[in-house]
C-alpha atoms as a PDB file:
ATOM      1  CA  MET A   1     184.000 206.063 137.806  1.00  0.00           C
ATOM      2  CA  GLU A   2     182.198 204.875 140.931  1.00  0.00           C
ATOM      3  CA  GLN A   3     183.570 201.363 140.461  1.00  0.00           C
ATOM      4  CA  ALA A   4     187.089 202.765 140.198  1.00  0.00           C
ATOM      5  CA  ARG A   5     186.679 204.653 143.488  1.00  0.00           C
ATOM      6  CA  VAL A   6     185.438 201.507 145.248  1.00  0.00           C
ATOM      7  CA  LYS A   7     188.306 199.463 143.861  1.00  0.00           C
ATOM      8  CA  ASP A   8     190.848 202.003 145.118  1.00  0.00           C
ATOM      9  CA  LYS A   9     189.589 201.908 148.697  1.00  0.00           C
ATOM     10  CA  PRO A  10     191.883 200.114 151.174  1.00  0.00           C
ATOM     11  CA  SER A  11     191.193 196.509 152.053  1.00  0.00           C
ATOM     12  CA  LEU A  12     192.706 193.889 154.326  1.00  0.00           C
ATOM     13  CA  ARG A  13     193.146 190.148 153.948  1.00  0.00           C
ATOM     14  CA  LEU A  14     193.824 187.658 156.739  1.00  0.00           C
ATOM     15  CA  GLU A  15     194.310 183.904 156.455  1.00  0.00           C
ATOM     16  CA  ARG A  16     193.887 181.483 159.308  1.00  0.00           C
ATOM     17  CA  PHE A  17     193.927 177.740 159.815  1.00  0.00           C
ATOM     18  CA  TYR A  18     191.721 176.119 162.447  1.00  0.00           C
ATOM     19  CA  PRO A  19     192.109 172.397 163.256  1.00  0.00           C
ATOM     20  CA  VAL A  20     188.362 171.809 163.293  1.00  0.00           C
ATOM     21  CA  ALA A  21     185.809 170.955 160.617  1.00  0.00           C
ATOM     22  CA  PRO A  22     184.345 173.783 158.476  1.00  0.00           C
ATOM     23  CA  GLU A  23     180.928 173.443 160.101  1.00  0.00           C
ATOM     24  CA  LYS A  24     182.494 174.348 163.457  1.00  0.00           C
ATOM     25  CA  VAL A  25     183.996 177.564 162.076  1.00  0.00           C
ATOM     26  CA  TRP A  26     180.795 178.349 160.182  1.00  0.00           C
ATOM     27  CA  ARG A  27     178.783 177.987 163.372  1.00  0.00           C
ATOM     28  CA  ALA A  28     181.142 180.391 165.164  1.00  0.00           C
ATOM     29  CA  TRP A  29     180.123 183.069 162.639  1.00  0.00           C
ATOM     30  CA  THR A  30     176.436 182.302 162.258  1.00  0.00           C
ATOM     31  CA  ASP A  31     175.177 181.098 165.663  1.00  0.00           C
ATOM     32  CA  PRO A  32     174.407 184.011 168.037  1.00  0.00           C
ATOM     33  CA  GLN A  33     175.598 182.199 171.168  1.00  0.00           C
ATOM     34  CA  ALA A  34     178.774 180.951 169.495  1.00  0.00           C
ATOM     35  CA  LEU A  35     179.562 184.447 168.176  1.00  0.00           C
ATOM     36  CA  LYS A  36     179.308 185.841 171.693  1.00  0.00           C
ATOM     37  CA  GLY A  37     182.120 183.525 172.712  1.00  0.00           C
ATOM     38  CA  TRP A  38     184.794 185.313 170.690  1.00  0.00           C
ATOM     39  CA  PHE A  39     183.621 188.468 168.915  1.00  0.00           C
ATOM     40  CA  GLY A  40     185.455 191.725 169.525  1.00  0.00           C
ATOM     41  CA  PRO A  41     189.109 192.645 170.056  1.00  0.00           C
ATOM     42  CA  GLY A  42     191.240 191.280 172.867  1.00  0.00           C
ATOM     43  CA  GLY A  43     190.387 192.062 176.451  1.00  0.00           C
ATOM     44  CA  PRO A  44     187.381 191.588 178.727  1.00  0.00           C
ATOM     45  CA  GLU A  45     184.825 193.171 176.399  1.00  0.00           C
ATOM     46  CA  GLN A  46     181.394 191.603 176.711  1.00  0.00           C
ATOM     47  CA  VAL A  47     179.129 191.001 173.731  1.00  0.00           C
ATOM     48  CA  ALA A  48     175.695 192.208 174.788  1.00  0.00           C
ATOM     49  CA  VAL A  49     173.700 191.673 171.593  1.00  0.00           C
ATOM     50  CA  THR A  50     174.044 189.219 168.682  1.00  0.00           C
ATOM     51  CA  GLU A  51     171.063 189.398 166.344  1.00  0.00           C
ATOM     52  CA  LEU A  52     171.792 187.343 163.210  1.00  0.00           C
ATOM     53  CA  ASP A  53     169.240 186.799 160.445  1.00  0.00           C
ATOM     54  CA  VAL A  54     171.533 184.614 158.356  1.00  0.00           C
ATOM     55  CA  ARG A  55     169.897 184.670 154.926  1.00  0.00           C
ATOM     56  CA  VAL A  56     170.497 186.715 151.793  1.00  0.00           C
ATOM     57  CA  GLY A  57     169.001 190.111 152.542  1.00  0.00           C
ATOM     58  CA  GLY A  58     168.824 189.365 156.254  1.00  0.00           C
ATOM     59  CA  ARG A  59     170.314 191.802 158.736  1.00  0.00           C
ATOM     60  CA  TYR A  60     172.657 191.386 161.674  1.00  0.00           C
ATOM     61  CA  ARG A  61     173.337 193.609 164.667  1.00  0.00           C
ATOM     62  CA  ILE A  62     176.122 193.170 167.227  1.00  0.00           C
ATOM     63  CA  VAL A  63     176.713 195.293 170.330  1.00  0.00           C
ATOM     64  CA  PHE A  64     179.891 194.829 172.352  1.00  0.00           C
ATOM     65  CA  GLY A  65     181.868 196.718 174.980  1.00  0.00           C
ATOM     66  CA  GLY A  66     184.875 198.843 174.074  1.00  0.00           C
ATOM     67  CA  ARG A  67     188.218 199.201 175.778  1.00  0.00           C
ATOM     68  CA  ASP A  68     187.106 202.446 177.476  1.00  0.00           C
ATOM     69  CA  GLY A  69     183.870 200.973 178.783  1.00  0.00           C
ATOM     70  CA  THR A  70     181.667 202.368 176.037  1.00  0.00           C
ATOM     71  CA  GLU A  71     179.517 200.201 173.805  1.00  0.00           C
ATOM     72  CA  HIS A  72     180.156 199.708 170.117  1.00  0.00           C
ATOM     73  CA  GLU A  73     177.520 198.658 167.644  1.00  0.00           C
ATOM     74  CA  VAL A  74     178.067 197.160 164.206  1.00  0.00           C
ATOM     75  CA  GLN A  75     175.406 196.072 161.739  1.00  0.00           C
ATOM     76  CA  GLY A  76     174.922 195.124 158.128  1.00  0.00           C
ATOM     77  CA  VAL A  77     173.176 192.967 155.556  1.00  0.00           C
ATOM     78  CA  TYR A  78     174.053 189.469 154.336  1.00  0.00           C
ATOM     79  CA  ARG A  79     174.763 189.518 150.606  1.00  0.00           C
ATOM     80  CA  GLU A  80     175.951 185.960 149.906  1.00  0.00           C
ATOM     81  CA  ILE A  81     175.481 182.762 151.889  1.00  0.00           C
ATOM     82  CA  VAL A  82     176.892 179.383 150.903  1.00  0.00           C
ATOM     83  CA  PRO A  83     176.646 177.262 154.062  1.00  0.00           C
ATOM     84  CA  LYS A  84     180.045 176.141 155.395  1.00  0.00           C
ATOM     85  CA  ARG A  85     181.803 177.673 152.377  1.00  0.00           C
ATOM     86  CA  ARG A  86     181.246 181.411 151.906  1.00  0.00           C
ATOM     87  CA  LEU A  87     179.755 184.360 153.779  1.00  0.00           C
ATOM     88  CA  VAL A  88     179.544 187.948 152.505  1.00  0.00           C
ATOM     89  CA  PHE A  89     178.001 190.858 154.415  1.00  0.00           C
ATOM     90  CA  THR A  90     178.160 194.642 154.650  1.00  0.00           C
ATOM     91  CA  TRP A  91     179.712 196.332 157.675  1.00  0.00           C
ATOM     92  CA  THR A  92     178.623 199.652 159.199  1.00  0.00           C
ATOM     93  CA  TRP A  93     179.162 201.469 162.506  1.00  0.00           C
ATOM     94  CA  PRO A  94     175.729 203.144 162.936  1.00  0.00           C
ATOM     95  CA  ARG A  95     176.567 205.098 166.097  1.00  0.00           C
ATOM     96  CA  THR A  96     179.750 206.716 164.811  1.00  0.00           C
ATOM     97  CA  THR A  97     180.077 206.576 161.011  1.00  0.00           C
ATOM     98  CA  PRO A  98     176.700 205.442 159.622  1.00  0.00           C
ATOM     99  CA  ASP A  99     177.542 206.777 156.149  1.00  0.00           C
ATOM    100  CA  ARG A 100     180.550 204.464 155.722  1.00  0.00           C
ATOM    101  CA  GLU A 101     179.927 200.945 154.477  1.00  0.00           C
ATOM    102  CA  SER A 102     182.555 198.277 153.943  1.00  0.00           C
ATOM    103  CA  VAL A 103     182.220 194.628 152.899  1.00  0.00           C
ATOM    104  CA  VAL A 104     183.382 191.456 154.647  1.00  0.00           C
ATOM    105  CA  THR A 105     183.955 188.235 152.692  1.00  0.00           C
ATOM    106  CA  ILE A 106     184.814 184.965 154.450  1.00  0.00           C
ATOM    107  CA  GLU A 107     185.758 181.775 152.611  1.00  0.00           C
ATOM    108  CA  PHE A 108     185.754 178.472 154.516  1.00  0.00           C
ATOM    109  CA  ASN A 109     187.945 175.875 152.805  1.00  0.00           C
ATOM    110  CA  ALA A 110     188.067 172.263 153.965  1.00  0.00           C
ATOM    111  CA  VAL A 111     191.681 171.069 154.125  1.00  0.00           C
ATOM    112  CA  PRO A 112     193.324 168.031 155.729  1.00  0.00           C
ATOM    113  CA  ARG A 113     192.586 168.001 159.466  1.00  0.00           C
ATOM    114  CA  GLY A 114     190.846 171.353 159.523  1.00  0.00           C
ATOM    115  CA  THR A 115     189.622 174.531 157.869  1.00  0.00           C
ATOM    116  CA  ALA A 116     191.546 177.237 156.028  1.00  0.00           C
ATOM    117  CA  VAL A 117     189.779 180.582 156.293  1.00  0.00           C
ATOM    118  CA  VAL A 118     190.403 183.475 153.925  1.00  0.00           C
ATOM    119  CA  PHE A 119     189.005 186.670 155.436  1.00  0.00           C
ATOM    120  CA  THR A 120     188.741 189.885 153.409  1.00  0.00           C
ATOM    121  CA  HIS A 121     187.433 193.222 154.669  1.00  0.00           C
ATOM    122  CA  ALA A 122     187.232 195.632 151.734  1.00  0.00           C
ATOM    123  CA  GLN A 123     186.195 199.190 150.918  1.00  0.00           C
ATOM    124  CA  HIS A 124     187.494 200.892 154.040  1.00  0.00           C
ATOM    125  CA  PHE A 125     187.259 204.669 154.256  1.00  0.00           C
ATOM    126  CA  ASP A 126     191.040 205.128 154.451  1.00  0.00           C
ATOM    127  CA  GLU A 127     194.217 203.317 155.474  1.00  0.00           C
ATOM    128  CA  THR A 128     193.911 204.329 159.132  1.00  0.00           C
ATOM    129  CA  VAL A 129     190.464 202.762 159.349  1.00  0.00           C
ATOM    130  CA  ARG A 130     191.759 199.648 157.588  1.00  0.00           C
ATOM    131  CA  ASP A 131     194.704 199.316 159.984  1.00  0.00           C
ATOM    132  CA  ASN A 132     192.453 199.744 163.014  1.00  0.00           C
ATOM    133  CA  HIS A 133     190.193 196.988 161.722  1.00  0.00           C
ATOM    134  CA  ARG A 134     193.199 194.758 161.050  1.00  0.00           C
ATOM    135  CA  ARG A 135     194.246 195.042 164.697  1.00  0.00           C
ATOM    136  CA  GLY A 136     190.724 194.408 165.916  1.00  0.00           C
ATOM    137  CA  TRP A 137     190.132 191.397 163.697  1.00  0.00           C
ATOM    138  CA  SER A 138     193.551 189.922 164.495  1.00  0.00           C
ATOM    139  CA  GLU A 139     192.813 190.062 168.213  1.00  0.00           C
ATOM    140  CA  ALA A 140     189.340 188.628 167.698  1.00  0.00           C
ATOM    141  CA  PHE A 141     190.706 185.718 165.686  1.00  0.00           C
ATOM    142  CA  VAL A 142     192.994 184.794 168.582  1.00  0.00           C
ATOM    143  CA  LYS A 143     189.871 184.516 170.744  1.00  0.00           C
ATOM    144  CA  LEU A 144     188.091 182.543 168.017  1.00  0.00           C
ATOM    145  CA  GLU A 145     190.943 180.039 167.831  1.00  0.00           C
ATOM    146  CA  ARG A 146     190.966 179.670 171.606  1.00  0.00           C
ATOM    147  CA  MET A 147     187.232 178.950 171.609  1.00  0.00           C
ATOM    148  CA  LEU A 148     187.424 176.431 168.769  1.00  0.00           C
ATOM    149  CA  LEU A 149     190.338 174.581 170.355  1.00  0.00           C
ATOM    150  CA  ALA A 150     188.530 174.381 173.683  1.00  0.00           C
ATOM    151  CA  GLU A 151     185.557 172.713 171.998  1.00  0.00           C
ATOM    152  CA  ARG A 152     187.555 169.820 170.543  1.00  0.00           C
ATOM    153  CA  PRO A 153     186.920 166.481 172.273  1.00  0.00           C
ATOM    154  CA  LYS A 154     189.489 164.125 173.737  1.00  0.00           C
ATOM    155  CA  LEU A 155     189.377 160.340 173.499  1.00  0.00           C
ATOM    156  CA  THR A 156     190.491 158.148 176.408  1.00  0.00           C
ATOM    157  CA  LEU A 157     190.368 154.354 176.287  1.00  0.00           C
ATOM    158  CA  LYS A 158     191.545 151.732 178.774  1.00  0.00           C
ATOM    159  CA  ARG A 159     192.263 148.103 178.015  1.00  0.00           C
ATOM    160  CA  SER A 160     193.770 145.186 179.952  1.00  0.00           C
ATOM    161  CA  TYR A 161     195.966 142.557 178.304  1.00  0.00           C
ATOM    162  CA  PRO A 162     197.292 139.308 179.871  1.00  0.00           C
ATOM    163  CA  VAL A 163     200.905 139.997 178.938  1.00  0.00           C
ATOM    164  CA  ALA A 164     203.780 141.925 180.503  1.00  0.00           C
ATOM    165  CA  PRO A 165     204.149 145.685 179.837  1.00  0.00           C
ATOM    166  CA  GLU A 166     207.269 144.998 177.774  1.00  0.00           C
ATOM    167  CA  LYS A 167     205.186 142.970 175.319  1.00  0.00           C
ATOM    168  CA  VAL A 168     202.630 145.758 174.940  1.00  0.00           C
ATOM    169  CA  TYR A 169     205.415 148.318 174.528  1.00  0.00           C
ATOM    170  CA  ARG A 170     206.986 146.184 171.799  1.00  0.00           C
ATOM    171  CA  ALA A 171     203.630 146.035 169.982  1.00  0.00           C
ATOM    172  CA  TRP A 172     203.775 149.838 169.708  1.00  0.00           C
ATOM    173  CA  THR A 173     207.451 150.239 168.874  1.00  0.00           C
ATOM    174  CA  ASP A 174     208.424 147.279 166.677  1.00  0.00           C
ATOM    175  CA  PRO A 175     207.239 147.793 163.052  1.00  0.00           C
ATOM    176  CA  ALA A 176     206.731 144.067 162.456  1.00  0.00           C
ATOM    177  CA  ALA A 177     204.643 143.715 165.620  1.00  0.00           C
ATOM    178  CA  LEU A 178     202.719 146.923 164.917  1.00  0.00           C
ATOM    179  CA  ARG A 179     201.719 145.600 161.535  1.00  0.00           C
ATOM    180  CA  GLN A 180     200.047 142.575 163.133  1.00  0.00           C
ATOM    181  CA  TRP A 181     197.313 144.644 164.783  1.00  0.00           C
ATOM    182  CA  TRP A 182     197.268 148.013 163.084  1.00  0.00           C
ATOM    183  CA  SER A 183     194.538 149.064 160.667  1.00  0.00           C
ATOM    184  CA  GLN A 184     195.123 147.792 157.107  1.00  0.00           C
ATOM    185  CA  GLY A 185     198.308 146.098 158.312  1.00  0.00           C
ATOM    186  CA  ASP A 186     197.855 143.346 155.738  1.00  0.00           C
ATOM    187  CA  SER A 187     197.734 145.703 152.745  1.00  0.00           C
ATOM    188  CA  PRO A 188     200.707 145.773 150.345  1.00  0.00           C
ATOM    189  CA  GLY A 189     201.112 149.515 150.758  1.00  0.00           C
ATOM    190  CA  TRP A 190     201.500 149.412 154.544  1.00  0.00           C
ATOM    191  CA  VAL A 191     204.622 151.155 155.883  1.00  0.00           C
ATOM    192  CA  ALA A 192     205.864 151.789 159.432  1.00  0.00           C
ATOM    193  CA  GLU A 193     209.051 153.745 160.062  1.00  0.00           C
ATOM    194  CA  LEU A 194     209.546 154.251 163.812  1.00  0.00           C
ATOM    195  CA  ASP A 195     212.524 156.121 165.276  1.00  0.00           C
ATOM    196  CA  VAL A 196     211.513 155.545 168.885  1.00  0.00           C
ATOM    197  CA  ARG A 197     213.460 158.165 170.830  1.00  0.00           C
ATOM    198  CA  VAL A 198     212.665 161.654 172.067  1.00  0.00           C
ATOM    199  CA  GLY A 199     212.710 163.843 168.967  1.00  0.00           C
ATOM    200  CA  GLY A 200     212.592 160.834 166.662  1.00  0.00           C
ATOM    201  CA  SER A 201     209.982 160.668 163.922  1.00  0.00           C
ATOM    202  CA  LEU A 202     207.329 158.170 163.002  1.00  0.00           C
ATOM    203  CA  ARG A 203     205.798 157.585 159.582  1.00  0.00           C
ATOM    204  CA  ILE A 204     202.938 155.190 158.921  1.00  0.00           C
ATOM    205  CA  VAL A 205     201.259 154.678 155.554  1.00  0.00           C
ATOM    206  CA  LEU A 206     197.841 153.021 155.540  1.00  0.00           C
ATOM    207  CA  ARG A 207     195.913 151.887 152.485  1.00  0.00           C
ATOM    208  CA  ASP A 208     192.143 152.033 152.976  1.00  0.00           C
ATOM    209  CA  PRO A 209     189.627 149.581 151.428  1.00  0.00           C
ATOM    210  CA  GLU A 210     189.311 151.872 148.390  1.00  0.00           C
ATOM    211  CA  GLY A 211     193.044 151.582 147.731  1.00  0.00           C
ATOM    212  CA  ILE A 212     193.855 155.145 148.827  1.00  0.00           C
ATOM    213  CA  ASP A 213     197.035 155.662 150.847  1.00  0.00           C
ATOM    214  CA  HIS A 214     196.947 157.792 153.991  1.00  0.00           C
ATOM    215  CA  GLU A 215     200.285 158.893 155.393  1.00  0.00           C
ATOM    216  CA  ILE A 216     200.568 159.721 159.088  1.00  0.00           C
ATOM    217  CA  ARG A 217     203.555 161.462 160.587  1.00  0.00           C
ATOM    218  CA  GLY A 218     204.571 162.420 164.085  1.00  0.00           C
ATOM    219  CA  VAL A 219     207.386 163.071 166.535  1.00  0.00           C
ATOM    220  CA  TYR A 220     208.070 161.243 169.782  1.00  0.00           C
ATOM    221  CA  LYS A 221     207.847 163.620 172.766  1.00  0.00           C
ATOM    222  CA  GLU A 222     208.255 161.171 175.651  1.00  0.00           C
ATOM    223  CA  VAL A 223     209.739 157.678 175.616  1.00  0.00           C
ATOM    224  CA  GLU A 224     209.938 155.468 178.722  1.00  0.00           C
ATOM    225  CA  PRO A 225     210.564 151.867 177.626  1.00  0.00           C
ATOM    226  CA  GLY A 226     207.939 149.501 178.950  1.00  0.00           C
ATOM    227  CA  ARG A 227     206.071 152.380 180.594  1.00  0.00           C
ATOM    228  CA  LYS A 228     205.101 155.357 178.450  1.00  0.00           C
ATOM    229  CA  LEU A 229     204.949 156.760 174.904  1.00  0.00           C
ATOM    230  CA  VAL A 230     203.836 160.238 173.873  1.00  0.00           C
ATOM    231  CA  PHE A 231     203.939 161.341 170.244  1.00  0.00           C
ATOM    232  CA  THR A 232     202.259 163.722 167.840  1.00  0.00           C
ATOM    233  CA  TRP A 233     199.860 162.446 165.189  1.00  0.00           C
ATOM    234  CA  ASN A 234     199.099 164.264 161.952  1.00  0.00           C
ATOM    235  CA  LEU A 235     198.382 163.746 158.276  1.00  0.00           C
ATOM    236  CA  HIS A 236     201.468 164.425 156.180  1.00  0.00           C
ATOM    237  CA  ASP A 237     199.821 167.235 154.190  1.00  0.00           C
ATOM    238  CA  ALA A 238     198.190 168.979 157.151  1.00  0.00           C
ATOM    239  CA  PRO A 239     199.805 171.997 158.870  1.00  0.00           C
ATOM    240  CA  PRO A 240     201.692 171.363 162.138  1.00  0.00           C
ATOM    241  CA  GLU A 241     199.015 173.046 164.234  1.00  0.00           C
ATOM    242  CA  ALA A 242     196.556 170.335 163.159  1.00  0.00           C
ATOM    243  CA  ALA A 243     198.474 167.643 165.048  1.00  0.00           C
ATOM    244  CA  SER A 244     196.925 165.617 167.832  1.00  0.00           C
ATOM    245  CA  THR A 245     198.880 164.103 170.709  1.00  0.00           C
ATOM    246  CA  VAL A 246     198.785 160.380 171.465  1.00  0.00           C
ATOM    247  CA  SER A 247     199.645 159.182 174.970  1.00  0.00           C
ATOM    248  CA  VAL A 248     200.107 155.494 175.812  1.00  0.00           C
ATOM    249  CA  LEU A 249     200.560 154.598 179.501  1.00  0.00           C
ATOM    250  CA  LEU A 250     201.342 151.023 180.524  1.00  0.00           C
ATOM    251  CA  ASN A 251     200.775 149.893 184.107  1.00  0.00           C
ATOM    252  CA  ALA A 252     201.741 146.431 185.332  1.00  0.00           C
ATOM    253  CA  THR A 253     198.922 144.529 187.023  1.00  0.00           C
ATOM    254  CA  SER A 254     198.632 141.111 188.647  1.00  0.00           C
ATOM    255  CA  GLY A 255     197.076 139.792 185.453  1.00  0.00           C
ATOM    256  CA  GLY A 256     199.322 141.550 182.941  1.00  0.00           C
ATOM    257  CA  THR A 257     199.113 145.152 181.736  1.00  0.00           C
ATOM    258  CA  GLU A 258     196.576 147.945 181.857  1.00  0.00           C
ATOM    259  CA  LEU A 259     196.871 150.248 178.833  1.00  0.00           C
ATOM    260  CA  GLU A 260     195.554 153.801 179.055  1.00  0.00           C
ATOM    261  CA  PHE A 261     195.314 155.515 175.679  1.00  0.00           C
ATOM    262  CA  THR A 262     194.572 159.194 175.042  1.00  0.00           C
ATOM    263  CA  LEU A 263     194.104 161.010 171.728  1.00  0.00           C
ATOM    264  CA  ASP A 264     193.900 164.768 172.202  1.00  0.00           C
ATOM    265  CA  PRO A 265     192.178 166.266 170.369  1.00  0.00           C
ATOM    266  CA  VAL A 266     189.926 164.082 168.220  1.00  0.00           C
ATOM    267  CA  PHE A 267     189.364 165.646 164.810  1.00  0.00           C
ATOM    268  CA  ASP A 268     187.367 162.892 163.114  1.00  0.00           C
ATOM    269  CA  PRO A 269     184.537 161.379 165.217  1.00  0.00           C
ATOM    270  CA  ARG A 270     185.147 158.068 163.444  1.00  0.00           C
ATOM    271  CA  ALA A 271     188.527 157.847 165.182  1.00  0.00           C
ATOM    272  CA  ALA A 272     186.990 156.373 168.326  1.00  0.00           C
ATOM    273  CA  ASP A 273     185.641 153.352 166.461  1.00  0.00           C
ATOM    274  CA  GLY A 274     188.940 152.980 164.608  1.00  0.00           C
ATOM    275  CA  TRP A 275     190.984 152.862 167.797  1.00  0.00           C
ATOM    276  CA  ARG A 276     188.543 150.502 169.512  1.00  0.00           C
ATOM    277  CA  GLY A 277     188.881 148.125 166.577  1.00  0.00           C
ATOM    278  CA  ALA A 278     192.666 148.414 166.693  1.00  0.00           C
ATOM    279  CA  PHE A 279     192.762 147.534 170.386  1.00  0.00           C
ATOM    280  CA  GLN A 280     190.567 144.517 169.777  1.00  0.00           C
ATOM    281  CA  ARG A 281     193.043 143.353 167.150  1.00  0.00           C
ATOM    282  CA  LEU A 282     195.863 144.044 169.607  1.00  0.00           C
ATOM    283  CA  GLY A 283     194.230 141.660 172.064  1.00  0.00           C
ATOM    284  CA  GLU A 284     193.915 139.029 169.342  1.00  0.00           C
ATOM    285  CA  PHE A 285     197.585 139.542 168.498  1.00  0.00           C
ATOM    286  CA  PHE A 286     198.568 138.804 172.110  1.00  0.00           C
ATOM    287  CA  GLN A 287     196.352 135.715 172.132  1.00  0.00           C
ATOM    288  CA  THR A 288     198.163 134.434 169.053  1.00  0.00           C
ATOM    289  CA  GLU A 289     201.566 135.091 170.592  1.00  0.00           C
ATOM    290  CA  THR A 290     200.535 133.406 173.829  1.00  0.00           C
ATOM    291  CA  SER A 291     199.274 130.317 172.003  1.00  0.00           C
ATOM    292  CA  HIS A 292     202.692 130.025 170.394  1.00  0.00           C
ATOM    293  CA  GLY A 293     204.448 130.260 173.740  1.00  0.00           C
ATOM    294  CA  LEU A 294     205.660 133.856 173.256  1.00  0.00           C
ATOM    295  CA  ARG A 295     204.134 135.353 176.354  1.00  0.00           C
END
């Protein structure tokens, strides 16, 4: 009978995608300083206390300011902990309704270019309490997303090449030229479909050393021939909000062209080494063209 009553209590479920690795989202929930950066509903509320003993049986206590200037305190006990994958804890308001206990379950799922979070808050006292918590959590998750996005790094690289800007631009916009310097360009599964115009799409398929294909898609946002390219960059099976933005600026110099490259944000820390290697191959490509009188 008791189990039936618990099952009938209202619950809420929220799903969110964050374009950061699971460990980043996990830290936001389990590191006291990180939690202070987003916890609580929207507005200027300050989080005064974050005491987190993140272990099964450990307790947590959070004190934050309310909309009317009063403090709110929530506390509970951790029931399940699977690092970077699952977190379950009880939820109680000791200053107002200490006899009511609900349960929060958070699942952290690694997906392409980010983390899919399934958040469940079950066993609410009634539907009004559930709806109030839904509003509060929804506002808090907006703040969480803002914090996580602000933490993502940006990559900027500059290179100089002894060729005219038009040659560098062609290396980015001509599929045959792109293949000469791009990663895995010599693999049989390599594909480059480039509709180089504002609103046009790009599709590149790379085959890694293990023989696995990786498909990249994007949309051109800015196109200035010989001067500038801006396009989105995302895995084909990742949600749109996981996209990065690539900017390529070409400036004519007395010795050729200065290329300024920006990837914002960087999801995979290995991307920096990948792009550095690509730009080295781009320089070798220009050397080959120059030796054949194609400068």
